[in-house]
Amino acid sequence: MRVFAVIMAGGVGSRFWPKSREAMPKQFQNVFGERSLYQRTYDRISEVVTPENTFVVTNRLQQPAASAQLPQLPAENIIVEPFGRNTAPCIAVAASAISSITEDAVMVVLPSDHLISQEENFVSQLKDAVRLADKERSLVTLGIRPTHPETGFGYIHFDPNTEQKEALDHVGYNVIEFREKPNLETAISFLASGDYLWNSGMFIWRVDVILEELKRNLTHFADFHSPLKSSFGKAEFAKQLEEFYLRVQSISVDYAVMEKAKNVLTIPSSFTWSDVGSWDEVYKLGDRNADGNSLKGDVVSVRSLNNLIWTEEKMFALVGVENLIVVETKDAVLICKRGESQGVKEIVEILMKQDRQDLV
């Protein structure tokens, strides 16, 4: 059985401003260690998928970083979107490209900006998901066991009494429904029930199965699949891709396919996961000193507690401050309270309205 991977790497990462910019968003940054989140995504799956079977979907601004950080990938495997259209069109184009090679294969779809530890467990679970998707012709998603009542994630409601059709180390359960981001009271009830998982956005399915689902449910894809398939690797592929994107709706694969499909399974995670969605999450995940400070760069601290300070060019001196996030780049400084970093996205929106493209 051949396995292909699609790494979705076109996100902007606006909550990571000012480090994250359109041409170099968070997935291409060395947030933790020497390898970027994008490179670490590839590293995790290298035991399962070969370089020639690994595809990346990104955009024009980010294509140079995507190619430079994974030079082992064939150039044609870096698919460049003309503009963003959410995950369903992205996956549809990648599936069409893979189908030009074979439809008798399993396709693994992964975001490029997640942080995963216990990687051996992840690889073991991924291999089981590949076998399950191939044998059962199911759409398989990796669900994350919730650790707290999170209101910023979508949830997967699964049936814990699913009858298993194959003995696997990691059990696949029937999905009852996908639930959108809940309020706090609902999130608490989800956590208490034990029947809900966070939706990680990681999917595994046969190429032919997802193609049929997309043809049924994604506007205009049935008309464009054959031209996209036949033109992949040729000069006319970019033109076909742009024409498809001009017509297709902007919609997530969750809305377009997963909420409508009948044969959906989820495997609860056996690894530690984070979507690294904000600077607050970086503080939680990073190393901290005895004062609870997470410091990167030239920082001197006196009687200051529980701060995240990242500096590139200047020396920062802290005296008697607590629970701050300060991020400095060559042209901007972010200062916010810990717990408020989701609001960084609003700063980016203001800068875009002011047409300050040099800062976004």
Protein backbone atom coordinates (compact mmCIF):
# COMPACT_ATOMS: atom_id res chain seq x y z
CA MET A 1 0.00 0.00 0.00
CA ARG A 2 1.36 3.41 -0.98
CA VAL A 3 1.00 6.28 1.47
CA PHE A 4 1.06 9.94 0.49
CA ALA A 5 1.14 12.97 2.76
CA VAL A 6 -0.22 16.47 2.26
CA ILE A 7 1.16 19.18 4.55
CA MET A 8 -1.04 22.27 4.61
CA ALA A 9 1.38 25.18 5.02
CA GLY A 10 -0.43 28.27 3.78
CA GLY A 11 -1.61 29.80 7.06
CA VAL A 12 -0.82 33.36 8.12
CA GLY A 13 -0.38 32.77 11.86
CA SER A 14 -1.63 36.26 12.75
CA ARG A 15 -1.80 35.48 16.48
CA PHE A 16 2.01 35.18 16.39
CA TRP A 17 2.60 38.72 15.23
CA PRO A 18 5.11 40.40 15.22
CA LYS A 19 7.31 37.31 14.70
CA SER A 20 4.84 35.78 12.26
CA ARG A 21 4.45 37.67 8.97
CA GLU A 22 2.72 36.75 5.71
CA ALA A 23 5.95 35.64 4.04
CA MET A 24 7.33 33.89 7.14
CA PRO A 25 4.45 32.77 9.38
CA LYS A 26 4.74 30.67 12.51
CA GLN A 27 4.97 27.28 10.76
CA PHE A 28 8.31 28.31 9.25
CA GLN A 29 9.67 29.77 12.50
CA ASN A 30 11.96 28.01 14.95
CA VAL A 31 9.54 28.40 17.84
CA PHE A 32 10.85 25.36 19.71
CA GLY A 33 14.38 24.17 18.95
CA GLU A 34 16.37 24.40 15.73
CA ARG A 35 13.75 22.91 13.38
CA SER A 36 10.64 24.85 12.37
CA LEU A 37 7.16 23.49 13.09
CA TYR A 38 6.84 22.79 9.35
CA GLN A 39 10.08 20.80 9.28
CA ARG A 40 9.10 18.93 12.42
CA THR A 41 5.79 17.97 10.78
CA TYR A 42 7.74 16.39 7.92
CA ASP A 43 10.23 14.75 10.29
CA ARG A 44 7.41 13.02 12.19
CA ILE A 45 6.00 11.32 9.11
CA SER A 46 9.29 10.44 7.40
CA GLU A 47 9.08 6.89 8.72
CA VAL A 48 5.69 6.46 7.02
CA VAL A 49 5.92 8.58 3.85
CA THR A 50 8.81 9.03 1.40
CA PRO A 51 9.89 12.47 0.13
CA GLU A 52 8.58 11.82 -3.39
CA ASN A 53 5.17 10.97 -1.90
CA THR A 54 5.04 14.10 0.26
CA PHE A 55 3.12 17.13 -1.03
CA VAL A 56 2.93 20.63 0.40
CA VAL A 57 0.21 23.20 -0.28
CA THR A 58 1.23 26.80 0.38
CA ASN A 59 0.95 30.25 -1.24
CA ARG A 60 3.16 32.45 -3.39
CA LEU A 61 4.66 34.45 -0.54
CA GLN A 62 5.51 31.36 1.47
CA GLN A 63 6.66 29.08 -1.36
CA PRO A 64 10.34 30.11 -1.04
CA ALA A 65 10.41 29.16 2.66
CA ALA A 66 8.47 25.94 2.04
CA SER A 67 10.92 24.83 -0.65
CA ALA A 68 14.08 25.96 1.16
CA GLN A 69 13.18 24.25 4.43
CA LEU A 70 12.41 20.88 2.76
CA PRO A 71 14.79 20.75 -0.22
CA GLN A 72 14.42 16.97 -0.43
CA LEU A 73 10.91 17.31 -1.86
CA PRO A 74 10.42 17.34 -5.65
CA ALA A 75 9.72 20.89 -6.88
CA GLU A 76 6.37 19.93 -8.41
CA ASN A 77 5.22 18.58 -5.02
CA ILE A 78 5.10 22.14 -3.65
CA ILE A 79 1.64 23.24 -4.83
CA VAL A 80 1.20 27.02 -4.79
CA GLU A 81 -2.33 28.32 -4.24
CA PRO A 82 -3.14 31.54 -6.14
CA PHE A 83 -5.04 32.74 -3.03
CA GLY A 84 -6.53 31.16 0.07
CA ARG A 85 -9.75 29.15 -0.16
CA ASN A 86 -9.70 27.25 3.16
CA THR A 87 -8.94 23.54 3.60
CA ALA A 88 -11.46 21.78 1.33
CA PRO A 89 -10.16 23.25 -1.98
CA CYS A 90 -6.59 22.81 -0.73
CA ILE A 91 -7.19 19.11 -0.09
CA ALA A 92 -9.11 18.70 -3.36
CA VAL A 93 -6.20 20.02 -5.43
CA ALA A 94 -3.70 17.83 -3.58
CA ALA A 95 -5.91 14.76 -4.06
CA SER A 96 -6.17 15.51 -7.78
CA ALA A 97 -2.39 15.80 -8.03
CA ILE A 98 -1.85 12.51 -6.19
CA SER A 99 -4.49 10.80 -8.36
CA SER A 100 -2.34 11.58 -11.41
CA ILE A 101 0.09 9.07 -9.90
CA THR A 102 -2.38 6.63 -8.35
CA GLU A 103 -5.80 6.56 -6.71
CA ASP A 104 -5.05 3.24 -5.01
CA ALA A 105 -3.28 4.82 -2.06
CA VAL A 106 -3.90 6.35 1.34
CA MET A 107 -3.52 10.08 1.86
CA VAL A 108 -2.50 11.65 5.19
CA VAL A 109 -3.43 15.32 5.63
CA LEU A 110 -1.63 17.34 8.30
CA PRO A 111 -1.47 20.99 9.36
CA SER A 112 2.08 22.33 9.38
CA ASP A 113 2.00 24.25 12.65
CA HIS A 114 1.27 21.71 15.37
CA LEU A 115 3.61 20.67 18.16
CA ILE A 116 3.54 16.97 19.04
CA SER A 117 5.55 15.14 21.66
CA GLN A 118 5.62 11.37 22.29
CA GLU A 119 6.26 11.08 18.57
CA GLU A 120 6.67 7.29 18.64
CA ASN A 121 3.07 7.07 19.82
CA PHE A 122 2.00 9.43 17.06
CA VAL A 123 3.70 7.33 14.37
CA SER A 124 2.18 4.12 15.74
CA GLN A 125 -1.27 5.71 15.76
CA LEU A 126 -0.79 7.08 12.25
CA LYS A 127 0.12 3.63 10.92
CA ASP A 128 -3.05 2.17 12.46
CA ALA A 129 -5.10 5.00 10.97
CA VAL A 130 -3.64 4.26 7.52
CA ARG A 131 -4.56 0.57 7.81
CA LEU A 132 -8.05 1.43 9.03
CA ALA A 133 -8.69 3.95 6.26
CA ASP A 134 -7.53 1.47 3.63
CA LYS A 135 -9.45 -1.58 4.85
CA GLU A 136 -12.71 0.09 5.91
CA ARG A 137 -12.70 2.81 3.20
CA SER A 138 -13.38 5.23 6.04
CA LEU A 139 -12.54 8.87 6.58
CA VAL A 140 -10.34 8.73 9.67
CA THR A 141 -9.46 11.68 11.89
CA LEU A 142 -7.08 11.82 14.82
CA GLY A 143 -8.94 13.22 17.82
CA ILE A 144 -7.16 14.79 20.79
CA ARG A 145 -8.15 13.78 24.31
CA PRO A 146 -9.20 17.07 25.96
CA THR A 147 -7.29 18.13 29.05
CA HIS A 148 -9.52 21.09 29.94
CA PRO A 149 -12.81 22.67 28.78
CA GLU A 150 -11.34 24.53 25.79
CA THR A 151 -13.68 26.94 23.95
CA GLY A 152 -11.27 27.65 21.08
CA PHE A 153 -11.42 24.20 19.43
CA GLY A 154 -14.04 22.24 17.55
CA TYR A 155 -15.02 18.89 19.07
CA ILE A 156 -15.68 15.35 17.80
CA HIS A 157 -18.54 13.43 19.43
CA PHE A 158 -17.77 9.70 19.15
CA ASP A 159 -19.49 6.45 20.06
CA PRO A 160 -17.45 4.67 22.77
CA ASN A 161 -19.39 1.44 22.10
CA THR A 162 -18.25 1.09 18.49
CA GLU A 163 -17.84 -2.53 17.45
CA GLN A 164 -14.28 -3.03 16.26
CA LYS A 165 -13.78 -4.71 12.90
CA GLU A 166 -10.04 -5.14 13.17
CA ALA A 167 -7.66 -5.61 16.08
CA LEU A 168 -5.48 -2.49 16.24
CA ASP A 169 -3.29 -1.00 18.92
CA HIS A 170 -5.27 2.23 18.56
CA VAL A 171 -9.03 1.80 18.37
CA GLY A 172 -11.15 3.65 15.81
CA TYR A 173 -14.58 4.82 16.96
CA ASN A 174 -17.61 5.86 14.92
CA VAL A 175 -18.08 9.62 14.80
CA ILE A 176 -21.58 10.73 15.80
CA GLU A 177 -21.13 14.39 14.93
CA PHE A 178 -18.71 17.27 14.73
CA ARG A 179 -19.42 20.18 17.07
CA GLU A 180 -18.26 23.74 16.57
CA LYS A 181 -16.40 25.78 19.19
CA PRO A 182 -18.62 25.66 22.30
CA ASN A 183 -19.24 28.11 25.11
CA LEU A 184 -17.60 27.33 28.45
CA GLU A 185 -20.63 25.57 29.97
CA THR A 186 -20.94 23.28 26.95
CA ALA A 187 -17.19 22.60 26.89
CA ILE A 188 -17.37 21.56 30.56
CA SER A 189 -20.17 19.11 29.76
CA PHE A 190 -18.17 17.71 26.82
CA LEU A 191 -15.19 17.09 29.07
CA ALA A 192 -17.33 15.44 31.76
CA SER A 193 -19.00 13.04 29.32
CA GLY A 194 -15.76 11.45 28.10
CA ASP A 195 -17.30 11.07 24.63
CA TYR A 196 -15.76 14.15 23.04
CA LEU A 197 -12.35 14.84 21.52
CA TRP A 198 -10.74 17.99 20.22
CA ASN A 199 -10.73 18.16 16.42
CA SER A 200 -7.05 18.28 15.45
CA GLY A 201 -7.55 18.77 11.71
CA MET A 202 -5.44 15.67 10.95
CA PHE A 203 -7.12 13.31 8.44
CA ILE A 204 -6.37 9.95 6.83
CA TRP A 205 -8.33 8.48 3.91
CA ARG A 206 -7.99 6.64 0.63
CA VAL A 207 -7.44 8.94 -2.35
CA ASP A 208 -10.36 7.50 -4.30
CA VAL A 209 -12.69 7.80 -1.29
CA ILE A 210 -11.98 11.47 -0.61
CA LEU A 211 -12.19 12.31 -4.31
CA GLU A 212 -15.74 10.93 -4.48
CA GLU A 213 -16.75 12.83 -1.35
CA LEU A 214 -15.31 16.07 -2.72
CA LYS A 215 -16.96 15.61 -6.12
CA ARG A 216 -20.31 15.28 -4.36
CA ASN A 217 -19.92 18.07 -1.85
CA LEU A 218 -17.48 20.73 -3.08
CA THR A 219 -18.86 23.14 -5.67
CA HIS A 220 -17.25 22.91 -9.13
CA PHE A 221 -14.72 20.26 -8.12
CA ALA A 222 -16.39 17.55 -10.23
CA ASP A 223 -15.79 19.74 -13.29
CA PHE A 224 -12.18 20.60 -12.46
CA HIS A 225 -10.85 17.31 -11.08
CA SER A 226 -9.94 15.82 -14.48
CA PRO A 227 -8.21 18.99 -15.79
CA LEU A 228 -6.28 19.33 -12.55
CA LYS A 229 -5.29 15.66 -12.62
CA SER A 230 -4.20 15.63 -16.25
CA SER A 231 -2.26 18.91 -16.03
CA PHE A 232 -0.34 18.19 -12.81
CA GLY A 233 3.40 18.55 -13.38
CA LYS A 234 2.80 20.55 -16.57
CA ALA A 235 2.84 24.27 -17.32
CA GLU A 236 -0.95 24.48 -17.61
CA PHE A 237 -1.51 23.23 -14.04
CA ALA A 238 -1.20 26.74 -12.57
CA LYS A 239 -3.87 28.05 -14.96
CA GLN A 240 -6.26 25.20 -14.13
CA LEU A 241 -5.63 25.76 -10.43
CA GLU A 242 -6.40 29.48 -10.65
CA GLU A 243 -9.60 28.89 -12.65
CA PHE A 244 -10.77 26.35 -10.08
CA TYR A 245 -10.00 28.72 -7.18
CA LEU A 246 -11.92 31.55 -8.86
CA ARG A 247 -15.06 29.38 -8.87
CA VAL A 248 -14.84 27.14 -5.81
CA GLN A 249 -16.38 28.15 -2.50
CA SER A 250 -14.09 28.97 0.41
CA ILE A 251 -14.96 26.25 2.91
CA SER A 252 -13.27 23.95 5.40
CA VAL A 253 -13.14 20.21 4.79
CA ASP A 254 -15.05 19.77 8.06
CA TYR A 255 -18.07 21.66 6.68
CA ALA A 256 -17.76 20.43 3.10
CA VAL A 257 -17.16 16.72 3.77
CA MET A 258 -16.71 15.49 7.32
CA GLU A 259 -20.07 16.70 8.67
CA LYS A 260 -21.90 15.06 5.75
CA ALA A 261 -19.99 11.78 5.32
CA LYS A 262 -21.41 8.55 6.76
CA ASN A 263 -18.33 6.42 7.30
CA VAL A 264 -16.18 8.55 9.62
CA LEU A 265 -13.95 7.11 12.34
CA THR A 266 -11.81 8.81 14.95
CA ILE A 267 -8.83 7.49 16.88
CA PRO A 268 -8.28 9.18 20.27
CA SER A 269 -4.74 10.47 20.69
CA SER A 270 -2.03 8.67 22.61
CA PHE A 271 0.41 11.59 22.28
CA THR A 272 0.72 15.14 23.58
CA TRP A 273 -0.52 17.79 21.15
CA SER A 274 -0.77 21.55 20.84
CA ASP A 275 -1.84 23.73 17.94
CA VAL A 276 0.52 26.44 19.29
CA GLY A 277 -2.26 28.91 18.66
CA SER A 278 -0.99 31.92 20.60
CA TRP A 279 1.90 33.43 22.56
CA ASP A 280 0.16 32.23 25.73
CA GLU A 281 0.54 28.69 24.43
CA VAL A 282 4.24 29.29 23.77
CA TYR A 283 4.62 30.35 27.39
CA LYS A 284 2.86 27.19 28.61
CA LEU A 285 4.95 24.91 26.41
CA GLY A 286 8.34 26.59 26.74
CA ASP A 287 11.09 26.33 29.33
CA ARG A 288 10.79 28.66 32.33
CA ASN A 289 13.28 29.69 35.01
CA ALA A 290 12.79 29.66 38.79
CA ASP A 291 10.82 32.93 38.59
CA GLY A 292 8.44 31.48 36.02
CA ASN A 293 9.92 33.61 33.24
CA SER A 294 10.33 32.28 29.69
CA LEU A 295 13.18 34.32 28.21
CA LYS A 296 14.72 34.32 24.74
CA GLY A 297 17.41 36.83 23.83
CA ASP A 298 19.29 39.35 25.96
CA VAL A 299 17.07 39.80 29.04
CA VAL A 300 17.92 40.85 32.60
CA SER A 301 15.18 40.39 35.20
CA VAL A 302 14.78 41.70 38.77
CA ARG A 303 11.78 40.77 40.95
CA SER A 304 9.76 39.92 37.82
CA LEU A 305 7.58 36.83 37.62
CA ASN A 306 5.80 34.66 35.05
CA ASN A 307 6.63 36.67 31.92
CA LEU A 308 7.31 35.66 28.32
CA ILE A 309 10.03 37.88 26.83
CA TRP A 310 11.40 37.30 23.31
CA THR A 311 13.90 39.84 22.00
CA GLU A 312 15.93 39.90 18.78
CA GLU A 313 18.01 43.10 18.75
CA LYS A 314 17.78 45.00 22.05
CA MET A 315 18.60 44.17 25.63
CA PHE A 316 15.45 44.09 27.76
CA ALA A 317 15.51 44.90 31.49
CA LEU A 318 12.57 43.89 33.69
CA VAL A 319 11.92 45.31 37.15
CA GLY A 320 8.93 44.28 39.22
CA VAL A 321 6.62 43.22 36.38
CA GLU A 322 4.44 40.13 36.23
CA ASN A 323 2.39 38.16 33.70
CA LEU A 324 3.50 40.07 30.60
CA ILE A 325 4.15 38.95 27.05
CA VAL A 326 6.74 41.08 25.25
CA VAL A 327 7.95 40.15 21.76
CA GLU A 328 10.43 42.38 19.92
CA THR A 329 11.44 42.26 16.26
CA LYS A 330 13.47 44.73 14.22
CA ASP A 331 10.38 46.81 13.34
CA ALA A 332 7.77 46.16 16.04
CA VAL A 333 7.21 45.37 19.71
CA LEU A 334 4.21 43.51 21.11
CA ILE A 335 3.26 44.11 24.75
CA CYS A 336 0.24 42.37 26.24
CA LYS A 337 -0.99 40.68 29.39
CA ARG A 338 -0.65 36.95 29.60
CA GLY A 339 -4.07 35.50 28.90
CA GLU A 340 -4.86 38.23 26.33
CA SER A 341 -2.69 37.11 23.40
CA GLN A 342 -5.62 35.90 21.29
CA GLY A 343 -6.25 39.62 20.76
CA VAL A 344 -3.03 39.96 18.76
CA LYS A 345 -5.07 38.97 15.71
CA GLU A 346 -7.03 42.20 16.13
CA ILE A 347 -3.80 44.21 15.91
CA VAL A 348 -3.01 42.54 12.59
CA GLU A 349 -6.50 43.32 11.30
CA ILE A 350 -6.04 47.00 12.23
CA LEU A 351 -2.67 47.14 10.48
CA MET A 352 -4.19 45.60 7.34
CA LYS A 353 -7.02 48.17 7.35
CA GLN A 354 -4.36 50.89 7.63
CA ASP A 355 -2.60 49.34 4.61
CA ARG A 356 0.61 48.90 6.62
CA GLN A 357 1.76 45.93 4.58
CA ASP A 358 5.35 46.39 5.74
CA LEU A 359 4.25 45.27 9.21
CA VAL A 360 2.10 42.25 8.26
